[in-house]
């Protein structure tokens, strides 16, 4: 018997690529750059967390959360995507719904985000279609690879 998708998702996944298109076969753009970094985690008890960052974000003047100038803080926020909450898997379709309980983007709070999944061994592709307020549709595809298991000792 094949392992359920929900069980196979559990763990940490590292971002390989994040692309967007204005049509399913349109030209590719990289919202966080071609070398974006990210981590998505799924827990056995039904929670998830996704973090994606652009490379090359400027350091703050002081190395604390509120230590940057307005411009540095804006660049940090614009170069980062983060949300977490519960997730729900439709085993028959492979669809995953992420419920944003916490989010860098305030508009995501309380929203469900549908992700179509394709799992091939240690490679997970999550894709979505988002209709913007102006009526345009954005097609996103994020490819993840299963992260190496972390050790229990302090590095």
C-alpha atoms as a PDB file:
ATOM      1  CA  UNK A   1       0.000   0.000   0.000  1.00  0.00           C
ATOM      2  CA  UNK A   2       1.371   3.419  -0.979  1.00  0.00           C
ATOM      3  CA  UNK A   3       2.170   5.896   1.764  1.00  0.00           C
ATOM      4  CA  UNK A   4      -0.372   8.715   2.091  1.00  0.00           C
ATOM      5  CA  UNK A   5       0.678  12.095   0.675  1.00  0.00           C
ATOM      6  CA  UNK A   6       0.177  13.726   4.066  1.00  0.00           C
ATOM      7  CA  UNK A   7       2.632  11.273   5.663  1.00  0.00           C
ATOM      8  CA  UNK A   8       5.161  11.715   2.852  1.00  0.00           C
ATOM      9  CA  UNK A   9       5.060  15.527   3.155  1.00  0.00           C
ATOM     10  CA  UNK A  10       6.106  15.522   6.809  1.00  0.00           C
ATOM     11  CA  UNK A  11       9.543  17.028   7.286  1.00  0.00           C
ATOM     12  CA  UNK A  12      11.606  19.916   5.960  1.00  0.00           C
ATOM     13  CA  UNK A  13      12.059  20.841   2.299  1.00  0.00           C
ATOM     14  CA  UNK A  14      14.617  23.251   0.798  1.00  0.00           C
ATOM     15  CA  UNK A  15      13.734  25.539  -2.095  1.00  0.00           C
ATOM     16  CA  UNK A  16      15.260  24.627  -5.459  1.00  0.00           C
ATOM     17  CA  UNK A  17      13.397  27.181  -7.595  1.00  0.00           C
ATOM     18  CA  UNK A  18      10.497  29.631  -7.440  1.00  0.00           C
ATOM     19  CA  UNK A  19       9.105  30.931 -10.717  1.00  0.00           C
ATOM     20  CA  UNK A  20       6.018  32.877 -11.780  1.00  0.00           C
ATOM     21  CA  UNK A  21       4.386  33.280 -15.170  1.00  0.00           C
ATOM     22  CA  UNK A  22       1.510  35.361 -16.533  1.00  0.00           C
ATOM     23  CA  UNK A  23       0.258  32.356 -18.518  1.00  0.00           C
ATOM     24  CA  UNK A  24       0.877  28.632 -18.024  1.00  0.00           C
ATOM     25  CA  UNK A  25       3.556  28.608 -20.746  1.00  0.00           C
ATOM     26  CA  UNK A  26       4.613  32.279 -20.599  1.00  0.00           C
ATOM     27  CA  UNK A  27       8.085  33.643 -19.901  1.00  0.00           C
ATOM     28  CA  UNK A  28       9.521  32.898 -16.466  1.00  0.00           C
ATOM     29  CA  UNK A  29      10.245  35.511 -13.826  1.00  0.00           C
ATOM     30  CA  UNK A  30      11.837  34.986 -10.438  1.00  0.00           C
ATOM     31  CA  UNK A  31       9.962  36.948  -7.728  1.00  0.00           C
ATOM     32  CA  UNK A  32      12.826  36.533  -5.245  1.00  0.00           C
ATOM     33  CA  UNK A  33      15.645  36.143  -7.752  1.00  0.00           C
ATOM     34  CA  UNK A  34      16.990  33.045  -9.475  1.00  0.00           C
ATOM     35  CA  UNK A  35      19.009  32.225  -6.352  1.00  0.00           C
ATOM     36  CA  UNK A  36      16.204  32.553  -3.785  1.00  0.00           C
ATOM     37  CA  UNK A  37      16.497  30.448  -0.659  1.00  0.00           C
ATOM     38  CA  UNK A  38      13.656  28.858   1.231  1.00  0.00           C
ATOM     39  CA  UNK A  39      12.437  26.248   3.634  1.00  0.00           C
ATOM     40  CA  UNK A  40       8.987  24.743   4.029  1.00  0.00           C
ATOM     41  CA  UNK A  41       8.139  22.392   6.866  1.00  0.00           C
ATOM     42  CA  UNK A  42       5.181  20.108   7.435  1.00  0.00           C
ATOM     43  CA  UNK A  43       4.596  18.645  10.901  1.00  0.00           C
ATOM     44  CA  UNK A  44       2.824  15.364  11.716  1.00  0.00           C
ATOM     45  CA  UNK A  45       0.154  17.236  13.687  1.00  0.00           C
ATOM     46  CA  UNK A  46      -0.976  19.295  10.687  1.00  0.00           C
ATOM     47  CA  UNK A  47       1.002  22.516  10.823  1.00  0.00           C
ATOM     48  CA  UNK A  48       3.278  24.075   8.214  1.00  0.00           C
ATOM     49  CA  UNK A  49       5.671  26.975   7.887  1.00  0.00           C
ATOM     50  CA  UNK A  50       7.091  28.478   4.696  1.00  0.00           C
ATOM     51  CA  UNK A  51       9.995  30.935   4.529  1.00  0.00           C
ATOM     52  CA  UNK A  52      11.501  32.300   1.303  1.00  0.00           C
ATOM     53  CA  UNK A  53      14.133  35.008   0.992  1.00  0.00           C
ATOM     54  CA  UNK A  54      15.912  36.842  -1.768  1.00  0.00           C
ATOM     55  CA  UNK A  55      19.689  36.635  -1.724  1.00  0.00           C
ATOM     56  CA  UNK A  56      21.637  39.840  -1.180  1.00  0.00           C
ATOM     57  CA  UNK A  57      19.268  41.665   1.142  1.00  0.00           C
ATOM     58  CA  UNK A  58      21.159  44.535   2.810  1.00  0.00           C
ATOM     59  CA  UNK A  59      22.255  44.163   6.425  1.00  0.00           C
ATOM     60  CA  UNK A  60      20.704  46.394   9.074  1.00  0.00           C
ATOM     61  CA  UNK A  61      22.854  49.106  10.668  1.00  0.00           C
ATOM     62  CA  UNK A  62      22.490  47.261  13.990  1.00  0.00           C
ATOM     63  CA  UNK A  63      22.063  43.458  14.119  1.00  0.00           C
ATOM     64  CA  UNK A  64      18.681  43.439  15.903  1.00  0.00           C
ATOM     65  CA  UNK A  65      15.120  43.142  14.564  1.00  0.00           C
ATOM     66  CA  UNK A  66      14.475  46.899  14.813  1.00  0.00           C
ATOM     67  CA  UNK A  67      18.044  47.935  13.967  1.00  0.00           C
ATOM     68  CA  UNK A  68      17.579  48.952  10.351  1.00  0.00           C
ATOM     69  CA  UNK A  69      16.680  52.187   8.662  1.00  0.00           C
ATOM     70  CA  UNK A  70      13.265  52.501   7.047  1.00  0.00           C
ATOM     71  CA  UNK A  71      14.851  51.682   3.685  1.00  0.00           C
ATOM     72  CA  UNK A  72      16.675  48.639   5.076  1.00  0.00           C
ATOM     73  CA  UNK A  73      13.483  47.368   6.726  1.00  0.00           C
ATOM     74  CA  UNK A  74      11.513  47.835   3.499  1.00  0.00           C
ATOM     75  CA  UNK A  75      14.157  45.952   1.492  1.00  0.00           C
ATOM     76  CA  UNK A  76      14.188  43.154   4.065  1.00  0.00           C
ATOM     77  CA  UNK A  77      10.393  42.794   3.974  1.00  0.00           C
ATOM     78  CA  UNK A  78      10.150  43.011   0.177  1.00  0.00           C
ATOM     79  CA  UNK A  79      12.792  40.304  -0.110  1.00  0.00           C
ATOM     80  CA  UNK A  80      11.049  37.885   2.232  1.00  0.00           C
ATOM     81  CA  UNK A  81       7.901  35.776   2.199  1.00  0.00           C
ATOM     82  CA  UNK A  82       6.787  33.959   5.324  1.00  0.00           C
ATOM     83  CA  UNK A  83       3.608  32.387   6.586  1.00  0.00           C
ATOM     84  CA  UNK A  84       2.573  29.488   8.786  1.00  0.00           C
ATOM     85  CA  UNK A  85      -0.515  27.727  10.023  1.00  0.00           C
ATOM     86  CA  UNK A  86      -2.445  24.527   9.485  1.00  0.00           C
ATOM     87  CA  UNK A  87      -2.414  22.465   6.306  1.00  0.00           C
ATOM     88  CA  UNK A  88      -4.974  20.126   4.806  1.00  0.00           C
ATOM     89  CA  UNK A  89      -4.335  17.437   2.186  1.00  0.00           C
ATOM     90  CA  UNK A  90      -6.837  16.105  -0.347  1.00  0.00           C
ATOM     91  CA  UNK A  91      -5.411  12.630  -0.948  1.00  0.00           C
ATOM     92  CA  UNK A  92      -7.595  12.086  -4.039  1.00  0.00           C
ATOM     93  CA  UNK A  93      -6.344  15.159  -5.935  1.00  0.00           C
ATOM     94  CA  UNK A  94      -2.969  15.824  -4.299  1.00  0.00           C
ATOM     95  CA  UNK A  95      -4.098  19.344  -3.451  1.00  0.00           C
ATOM     96  CA  UNK A  96      -2.780  20.960  -0.282  1.00  0.00           C
ATOM     97  CA  UNK A  97      -4.422  23.926   1.431  1.00  0.00           C
ATOM     98  CA  UNK A  98      -2.279  26.152   3.630  1.00  0.00           C
ATOM     99  CA  UNK A  99      -4.201  28.225   6.184  1.00  0.00           C
ATOM    100  CA  UNK A 100      -2.227  31.348   7.083  1.00  0.00           C
ATOM    101  CA  UNK A 101      -2.464  31.896  10.833  1.00  0.00           C
ATOM    102  CA  UNK A 102       0.705  34.045  10.834  1.00  0.00           C
ATOM    103  CA  UNK A 103       2.072  35.934   7.851  1.00  0.00           C
ATOM    104  CA  UNK A 104       4.486  38.656   6.837  1.00  0.00           C
ATOM    105  CA  UNK A 105       1.826  39.717   4.301  1.00  0.00           C
ATOM    106  CA  UNK A 106      -1.154  40.925   6.396  1.00  0.00           C
ATOM    107  CA  UNK A 107      -3.620  40.152   3.585  1.00  0.00           C
ATOM    108  CA  UNK A 108      -2.787  36.424   3.875  1.00  0.00           C
ATOM    109  CA  UNK A 109      -4.039  36.180   7.471  1.00  0.00           C
ATOM    110  CA  UNK A 110      -6.980  33.809   7.770  1.00  0.00           C
ATOM    111  CA  UNK A 111      -6.805  32.948   4.077  1.00  0.00           C
ATOM    112  CA  UNK A 112      -6.511  29.474   2.587  1.00  0.00           C
ATOM    113  CA  UNK A 113      -3.919  29.054  -0.156  1.00  0.00           C
ATOM    114  CA  UNK A 114      -4.416  26.157  -2.559  1.00  0.00           C
ATOM    115  CA  UNK A 115      -1.285  24.382  -3.744  1.00  0.00           C
ATOM    116  CA  UNK A 116      -1.346  21.619  -6.340  1.00  0.00           C
ATOM    117  CA  UNK A 117       1.336  19.087  -5.446  1.00  0.00           C
ATOM    118  CA  UNK A 118       3.499  16.717  -7.449  1.00  0.00           C
ATOM    119  CA  UNK A 119       5.724  14.496  -5.349  1.00  0.00           C
ATOM    120  CA  UNK A 120       8.483  12.545  -7.076  1.00  0.00           C
ATOM    121  CA  UNK A 121      10.792  10.884  -4.565  1.00  0.00           C
ATOM    122  CA  UNK A 122      12.632  13.649  -2.726  1.00  0.00           C
ATOM    123  CA  UNK A 123      11.337  16.377  -5.077  1.00  0.00           C
ATOM    124  CA  UNK A 124       8.120  18.251  -4.280  1.00  0.00           C
ATOM    125  CA  UNK A 125       6.562  20.711  -6.724  1.00  0.00           C
ATOM    126  CA  UNK A 126       3.886  23.058  -5.412  1.00  0.00           C
ATOM    127  CA  UNK A 127       2.012  25.100  -7.981  1.00  0.00           C
ATOM    128  CA  UNK A 128      -0.798  27.609  -7.751  1.00  0.00           C
ATOM    129  CA  UNK A 129      -2.895  30.026  -9.746  1.00  0.00           C
ATOM    130  CA  UNK A 130      -3.688  33.375  -8.169  1.00  0.00           C
ATOM    131  CA  UNK A 131      -6.153  35.857  -9.626  1.00  0.00           C
ATOM    132  CA  UNK A 132      -5.067  39.402  -8.799  1.00  0.00           C
ATOM    133  CA  UNK A 133      -7.493  42.263  -8.035  1.00  0.00           C
ATOM    134  CA  UNK A 134      -7.004  43.588 -11.591  1.00  0.00           C
ATOM    135  CA  UNK A 135      -8.193  40.247 -13.034  1.00  0.00           C
ATOM    136  CA  UNK A 136      -4.788  38.937 -14.164  1.00  0.00           C
ATOM    137  CA  UNK A 137      -3.797  35.405 -13.191  1.00  0.00           C
ATOM    138  CA  UNK A 138      -0.317  34.580 -11.921  1.00  0.00           C
ATOM    139  CA  UNK A 139       0.932  30.999 -12.214  1.00  0.00           C
ATOM    140  CA  UNK A 140       3.502  30.030  -9.582  1.00  0.00           C
ATOM    141  CA  UNK A 141       5.662  26.939  -9.351  1.00  0.00           C
ATOM    142  CA  UNK A 142       7.948  26.155  -6.427  1.00  0.00           C
ATOM    143  CA  UNK A 143      10.251  23.155  -6.541  1.00  0.00           C
ATOM    144  CA  UNK A 144      11.533  21.806  -3.225  1.00  0.00           C
ATOM    145  CA  UNK A 145      13.962  19.009  -2.326  1.00  0.00           C
ATOM    146  CA  UNK A 146      13.780  17.082   0.908  1.00  0.00           C
ATOM    147  CA  UNK A 147      16.206  18.623   3.405  1.00  0.00           C
ATOM    148  CA  UNK A 148      18.914  16.546   4.998  1.00  0.00           C
ATOM    149  CA  UNK A 149      17.904  15.271   8.391  1.00  0.00           C
ATOM    150  CA  UNK A 150      19.293  17.507  11.097  1.00  0.00           C
ATOM    151  CA  UNK A 151      21.332  16.015  13.902  1.00  0.00           C
ATOM    152  CA  UNK A 152      20.342  16.197  17.516  1.00  0.00           C
ATOM    153  CA  UNK A 153      23.631  17.690  18.662  1.00  0.00           C
ATOM    154  CA  UNK A 154      24.484  21.360  18.759  1.00  0.00           C
ATOM    155  CA  UNK A 155      26.688  22.325  15.809  1.00  0.00           C
END
